Amino acid sequence: MSDEDITLTAGDAEVSVRPGNGGRIGGLRIGGTELLRQGERYGCFPMVPWCGRIREGRFLDGATLRRMPLNAPPHAIHGTARDGAWRTARVTENEAVITYELTDPWPHTGRVTQIVALAEDALTLTVSVETYDDSFPAQIGWHPWFHRNLGGEDVRLDFTPAWQEERGDDHLPTGQRVDPRPGPWDDCFGMPDGVGVTLTWPGQLELAVTSREKWVVVYDEQAEAVCVEPQTGPPNGLNTHPRLVTPLEPLEATTTWSWRRL
């Protein structure tokens, strides 16, 4: 099938899916209000086969040292799938299934599948990575750009992480865990019971970002948007917390955004 944009609807919720632009969610409108920052680089894109930065673009794949292009010098950032064209496998009124074939510069062949499922009060995103050949380390995550302001007061973030990954001068975790510090953040947090972050636009909307995964990056250093990014491991995780994709066991992760009006 094609890589043309897809629109899903459920009640007064509408989601646009853009397979041709990195498999990203182009927009989420609730009652006519757009929650995601608009633009070719924004919306919400899947981070796969890694999340955040890889130190100097290098990671160990078994005993082999691999090098990824330095698209955020001196590091590689956010995977390769956001730069590729995905294809549509199946669409109904409120669900879309899109796929991406892993290719150069990633050294292994495989398929990434994203299921986008919309309900009247929730959006659920599920990504899986499967291999066509050897096992390899991988990560899955999402990078949404939520509007800081929907026309009233700025959004408020509420979450209770167990720890914060200490961030070095190179923007990567040092390996030390510290007590959570006040923002602004471009930081990774540990939530061992699962990710749970609530965004509240006072008087307008409350949205909960949840996932069974244990890691979330929060980025709120820009004036226009805030990012809440559930992921299967921390930045540089291909080196520090690799998850293995095998011929018998793909890697899969899910996040749900649920909302209610205030």
Protein backbone atom coordinates (compact mmCIF):
# COMPACT_ATOMS: atom_id res chain seq x y z
CA MET A 1 0.00 0.00 0.00
CA SER A 2 0.99 3.65 -0.25
CA ASP A 3 2.78 5.99 2.15
CA GLU A 4 0.06 8.66 1.93
CA ASP A 5 -1.22 10.37 5.07
CA ILE A 6 -3.92 8.60 7.08
CA THR A 7 -6.67 10.15 9.22
CA LEU A 8 -8.24 8.19 12.07
CA THR A 9 -11.33 9.31 14.00
CA ALA A 10 -13.11 8.27 17.19
CA GLY A 11 -15.74 10.51 18.74
CA ASP A 12 -14.37 14.05 18.63
CA ALA A 13 -10.74 12.83 18.49
CA GLU A 14 -8.78 12.84 15.23
CA VAL A 15 -5.25 11.60 14.54
CA SER A 16 -3.18 12.07 11.41
CA VAL A 17 -0.55 9.41 10.64
CA ARG A 18 2.23 10.21 8.19
CA PRO A 19 3.93 7.03 6.98
CA GLY A 20 5.93 8.95 4.37
CA ASN A 21 7.44 11.23 7.01
CA GLY A 22 9.14 8.80 9.37
CA GLY A 23 5.99 7.01 10.49
CA ARG A 24 5.14 9.94 12.74
CA ILE A 25 1.87 11.06 14.23
CA GLY A 26 1.36 14.36 12.45
CA GLY A 27 -1.35 15.64 14.74
CA LEU A 28 -3.81 14.80 17.52
CA ARG A 29 -6.93 16.95 17.64
CA ILE A 30 -9.41 16.67 20.50
CA GLY A 31 -12.61 18.64 20.05
CA GLY A 32 -10.86 20.63 17.34
CA THR A 33 -7.85 21.54 19.54
CA GLU A 34 -4.45 20.43 18.23
CA LEU A 35 -2.22 19.01 20.97
CA LEU A 36 0.97 18.44 18.97
CA ARG A 37 3.38 20.99 17.59
CA GLN A 38 3.07 21.11 13.82
CA GLY A 39 5.86 20.80 11.24
CA GLU A 40 7.89 18.24 9.34
CA ARG A 41 10.17 17.57 12.34
CA TYR A 42 7.50 17.58 15.05
CA GLY A 43 4.26 15.75 15.81
CA CYS A 44 5.34 12.48 17.45
CA PHE A 45 7.92 10.24 15.81
CA PRO A 46 8.99 6.71 16.76
CA MET A 47 12.60 6.40 17.92
CA VAL A 48 13.90 3.10 16.57
CA PRO A 49 16.17 1.11 16.46
CA TRP A 50 17.59 3.35 19.22
CA CYS A 51 16.44 6.23 21.44
CA GLY A 52 18.23 9.47 22.16
CA ARG A 53 21.97 9.72 21.60
CA ILE A 54 24.56 7.00 20.98
CA ARG A 55 27.93 8.21 22.25
CA GLU A 56 30.03 9.12 19.18
CA GLY A 57 27.65 6.96 17.10
CA ARG A 58 29.40 3.78 18.28
CA PHE A 59 27.93 0.69 19.89
CA LEU A 60 28.89 -2.93 20.39
CA ASP A 61 26.85 -5.45 18.41
CA GLY A 62 28.07 -8.66 19.98
CA ALA A 63 31.83 -8.42 19.48
CA THR A 64 31.50 -6.05 16.50
CA LEU A 65 31.89 -2.30 16.87
CA ARG A 66 29.23 -0.53 14.80
CA ARG A 67 29.21 3.13 13.74
CA MET A 68 26.11 5.18 12.98
CA PRO A 69 26.13 8.53 11.16
CA LEU A 70 26.70 11.49 13.48
CA ASN A 71 23.44 13.32 12.84
CA ALA A 72 23.79 15.25 16.14
CA PRO A 73 27.61 15.67 16.29
CA PRO A 74 29.46 14.28 18.09
CA HIS A 75 26.66 11.72 18.55
CA ALA A 76 24.04 9.79 16.59
CA ILE A 77 20.48 10.50 17.70
CA HIS A 78 16.93 9.06 17.66
CA GLY A 79 17.36 6.07 15.31
CA THR A 80 16.97 5.77 11.56
CA ALA A 81 13.25 5.07 11.09
CA ARG A 82 12.20 8.72 11.57
CA ASP A 83 14.15 9.59 8.41
CA GLY A 84 12.58 6.90 6.22
CA ALA A 85 9.33 6.26 4.42
CA TRP A 86 7.02 3.76 6.08
CA ARG A 87 4.33 1.84 4.24
CA THR A 88 0.70 1.31 5.15
CA ALA A 89 -0.26 -2.30 5.83
CA ARG A 90 -3.84 -1.87 7.05
CA VAL A 91 -6.29 0.91 7.89
CA THR A 92 -9.72 1.02 9.52
CA GLU A 93 -11.66 4.01 10.79
CA ASN A 94 -9.75 4.11 14.08
CA GLU A 95 -6.64 1.96 13.58
CA ALA A 96 -3.65 2.01 11.24
CA VAL A 97 -0.77 -0.45 10.89
CA ILE A 98 2.38 0.87 9.21
CA THR A 99 5.75 -0.78 8.61
CA TYR A 100 9.35 0.21 7.99
CA GLU A 101 12.13 -1.97 6.60
CA LEU A 102 15.43 -1.59 8.44
CA THR A 103 18.19 -0.78 5.98
CA ASP A 104 21.53 1.09 5.70
CA PRO A 105 23.05 2.55 7.77
CA TRP A 106 21.58 0.04 10.25
CA PRO A 107 23.68 -3.13 9.84
CA HIS A 108 20.83 -5.67 10.11
CA THR A 109 17.72 -6.33 8.07
CA GLY A 110 14.38 -6.45 9.81
CA ARG A 111 10.96 -4.91 10.04
CA VAL A 112 9.50 -2.28 12.35
CA THR A 113 5.71 -2.29 12.77
CA GLN A 114 3.71 0.49 14.41
CA ILE A 115 0.05 0.08 15.35
CA VAL A 116 -1.83 3.34 15.90
CA ALA A 117 -5.14 2.76 17.69
CA LEU A 118 -7.50 5.64 18.50
CA ALA A 119 -10.39 5.56 20.98
CA GLU A 120 -12.67 8.41 22.03
CA ASP A 121 -10.50 9.10 25.09
CA ALA A 122 -7.12 7.48 24.31
CA LEU A 123 -4.43 6.91 21.70
CA THR A 124 -2.35 3.74 21.93
CA LEU A 125 0.91 3.33 20.00
CA THR A 126 2.60 -0.07 19.76
CA VAL A 127 5.94 -0.63 18.03
CA SER A 128 7.67 -3.95 17.42
CA VAL A 129 11.05 -4.75 15.88
CA GLU A 130 11.72 -8.13 14.28
CA THR A 131 14.87 -9.44 12.60
CA TYR A 132 15.27 -11.16 9.27
CA ASP A 133 18.74 -12.51 10.08
CA ASP A 134 20.89 -12.34 13.21
CA SER A 135 20.02 -11.10 16.67
CA PHE A 136 20.85 -7.45 17.39
CA PRO A 137 20.49 -4.86 20.17
CA ALA A 138 17.73 -2.30 19.77
CA GLN A 139 15.53 0.23 21.54
CA ILE A 140 12.02 1.59 21.01
CA GLY A 141 10.65 4.96 22.08
CA TRP A 142 8.40 7.85 21.07
CA HIS A 143 9.20 11.54 20.82
CA PRO A 144 6.00 13.61 21.04
CA TRP A 145 6.08 17.41 20.88
CA PHE A 146 3.12 18.57 22.97
CA HIS A 147 2.15 22.23 22.73
CA ARG A 148 3.23 24.05 25.87
CA ASN A 149 0.17 26.27 25.62
CA LEU A 150 -3.28 25.55 24.18
CA GLY A 151 -4.49 29.12 24.47
CA GLY A 152 -4.66 29.40 28.26
CA GLU A 153 -2.08 28.70 30.96
CA ASP A 154 1.09 26.74 30.20
CA VAL A 155 1.00 22.97 30.65
CA ARG A 156 1.99 21.51 34.00
CA LEU A 157 3.90 18.23 34.29
CA ASP A 158 3.34 15.81 37.15
CA PHE A 159 5.39 12.64 37.63
CA THR A 160 7.23 10.87 40.43
CA PRO A 161 10.37 9.14 39.15
CA ALA A 162 12.45 6.88 41.37
CA TRP A 163 15.65 8.45 40.08
CA GLN A 164 17.16 10.75 37.49
CA GLU A 165 20.06 9.69 35.29
CA GLU A 166 22.88 12.12 35.99
CA ARG A 167 23.58 13.95 32.73
CA GLY A 168 27.13 14.68 31.69
CA ASP A 169 28.40 17.65 29.69
CA ASP A 170 27.98 15.52 26.56
CA HIS A 171 24.20 15.22 27.25
CA LEU A 172 24.55 11.48 27.97
CA PRO A 173 23.95 9.66 31.25
CA THR A 174 27.12 9.28 33.30
CA GLY A 175 25.96 5.96 34.76
CA GLN A 176 25.17 7.54 38.11
CA ARG A 177 21.61 7.78 39.43
CA VAL A 178 20.67 10.89 41.42
CA ASP A 179 17.60 12.17 43.20
CA PRO A 180 15.23 13.89 40.75
CA ARG A 181 16.14 17.53 40.25
CA PRO A 182 13.91 20.46 39.27
CA GLY A 183 13.62 21.41 35.60
CA PRO A 184 13.99 22.64 33.00
CA TRP A 185 14.97 19.20 31.73
CA ASP A 186 16.61 17.38 28.89
CA ASP A 187 16.94 14.36 31.12
CA CYS A 188 16.16 10.68 31.54
CA PHE A 189 14.23 9.38 34.53
CA GLY A 190 13.68 5.90 35.90
CA MET A 191 10.15 4.73 36.72
CA PRO A 192 10.53 1.03 37.62
CA ASP A 193 6.77 0.48 38.02
CA GLY A 194 6.11 1.87 34.54
CA VAL A 195 6.05 5.33 33.01
CA GLY A 196 3.30 7.62 34.25
CA VAL A 197 3.43 11.34 33.42
CA THR A 198 0.42 13.67 33.54
CA LEU A 199 0.26 16.82 31.44
CA THR A 200 -2.37 19.32 32.57
CA TRP A 201 -3.42 22.38 30.60
CA PRO A 202 -5.35 24.17 33.40
CA GLY A 203 -9.03 24.57 32.73
CA GLN A 204 -8.74 22.71 29.44
CA LEU A 205 -7.37 19.18 29.31
CA GLU A 206 -5.53 16.53 31.31
CA LEU A 207 -3.51 13.93 29.40
CA ALA A 208 -1.72 10.93 30.95
CA VAL A 209 1.25 9.35 29.15
CA THR A 210 1.70 5.78 30.37
CA SER A 211 3.80 2.77 29.41
CA ARG A 212 4.97 -0.47 30.98
CA GLU A 213 8.52 0.58 30.11
CA LYS A 214 10.75 1.91 32.89
CA TRP A 215 12.39 4.91 31.26
CA VAL A 216 11.17 8.35 30.21
CA VAL A 217 13.01 11.36 28.84
CA VAL A 218 11.46 14.75 29.57
CA TYR A 219 12.53 17.69 27.41
CA ASP A 220 11.03 21.10 28.17
CA GLU A 221 13.78 23.54 27.26
CA GLN A 222 11.92 25.01 24.26
CA ALA A 223 9.34 27.75 24.57
CA GLU A 224 6.88 26.15 22.15
CA ALA A 225 6.59 22.55 23.31
CA VAL A 226 7.32 19.91 25.92
CA CYS A 227 8.34 16.33 25.16
CA VAL A 228 7.53 13.25 27.27
CA GLU A 229 9.29 10.25 25.75
CA PRO A 230 8.66 6.71 27.04
CA GLN A 231 11.38 4.32 25.93
CA THR A 232 12.80 0.85 26.51
CA GLY A 233 16.12 2.13 27.84
CA PRO A 234 18.06 5.31 28.56
CA PRO A 235 20.04 7.38 26.03
CA ASN A 236 23.15 5.48 24.90
CA GLY A 237 21.23 2.37 25.91
CA LEU A 238 22.57 0.28 23.01
CA ASN A 239 25.80 0.36 25.02
CA THR A 240 24.51 0.41 28.60
CA HIS A 241 21.10 -1.36 28.63
CA PRO A 242 20.76 -3.24 25.33
CA ARG A 243 17.55 -5.13 24.58
CA LEU A 244 18.03 -8.00 22.16
CA VAL A 245 15.91 -8.66 19.08
CA THR A 246 16.15 -12.36 18.18
CA PRO A 247 14.59 -14.50 15.43
CA LEU A 248 12.30 -16.00 18.07
CA GLU A 249 11.56 -12.90 20.12
CA PRO A 250 10.93 -9.46 18.65
CA LEU A 251 11.21 -6.33 20.79
CA GLU A 252 7.86 -4.67 21.47
CA ALA A 253 6.73 -1.63 23.44
CA THR A 254 3.47 0.27 23.93
CA THR A 255 2.49 3.71 25.15
CA THR A 256 -1.00 5.06 25.76
CA TRP A 257 -2.08 8.68 25.96
CA SER A 258 -5.44 9.02 27.71
CA TRP A 259 -7.24 12.31 28.26
CA ARG A 260 -10.17 14.00 29.90
CA ARG A 261 -11.57 17.50 29.65
CA LEU A 262 -11.37 19.82 32.64
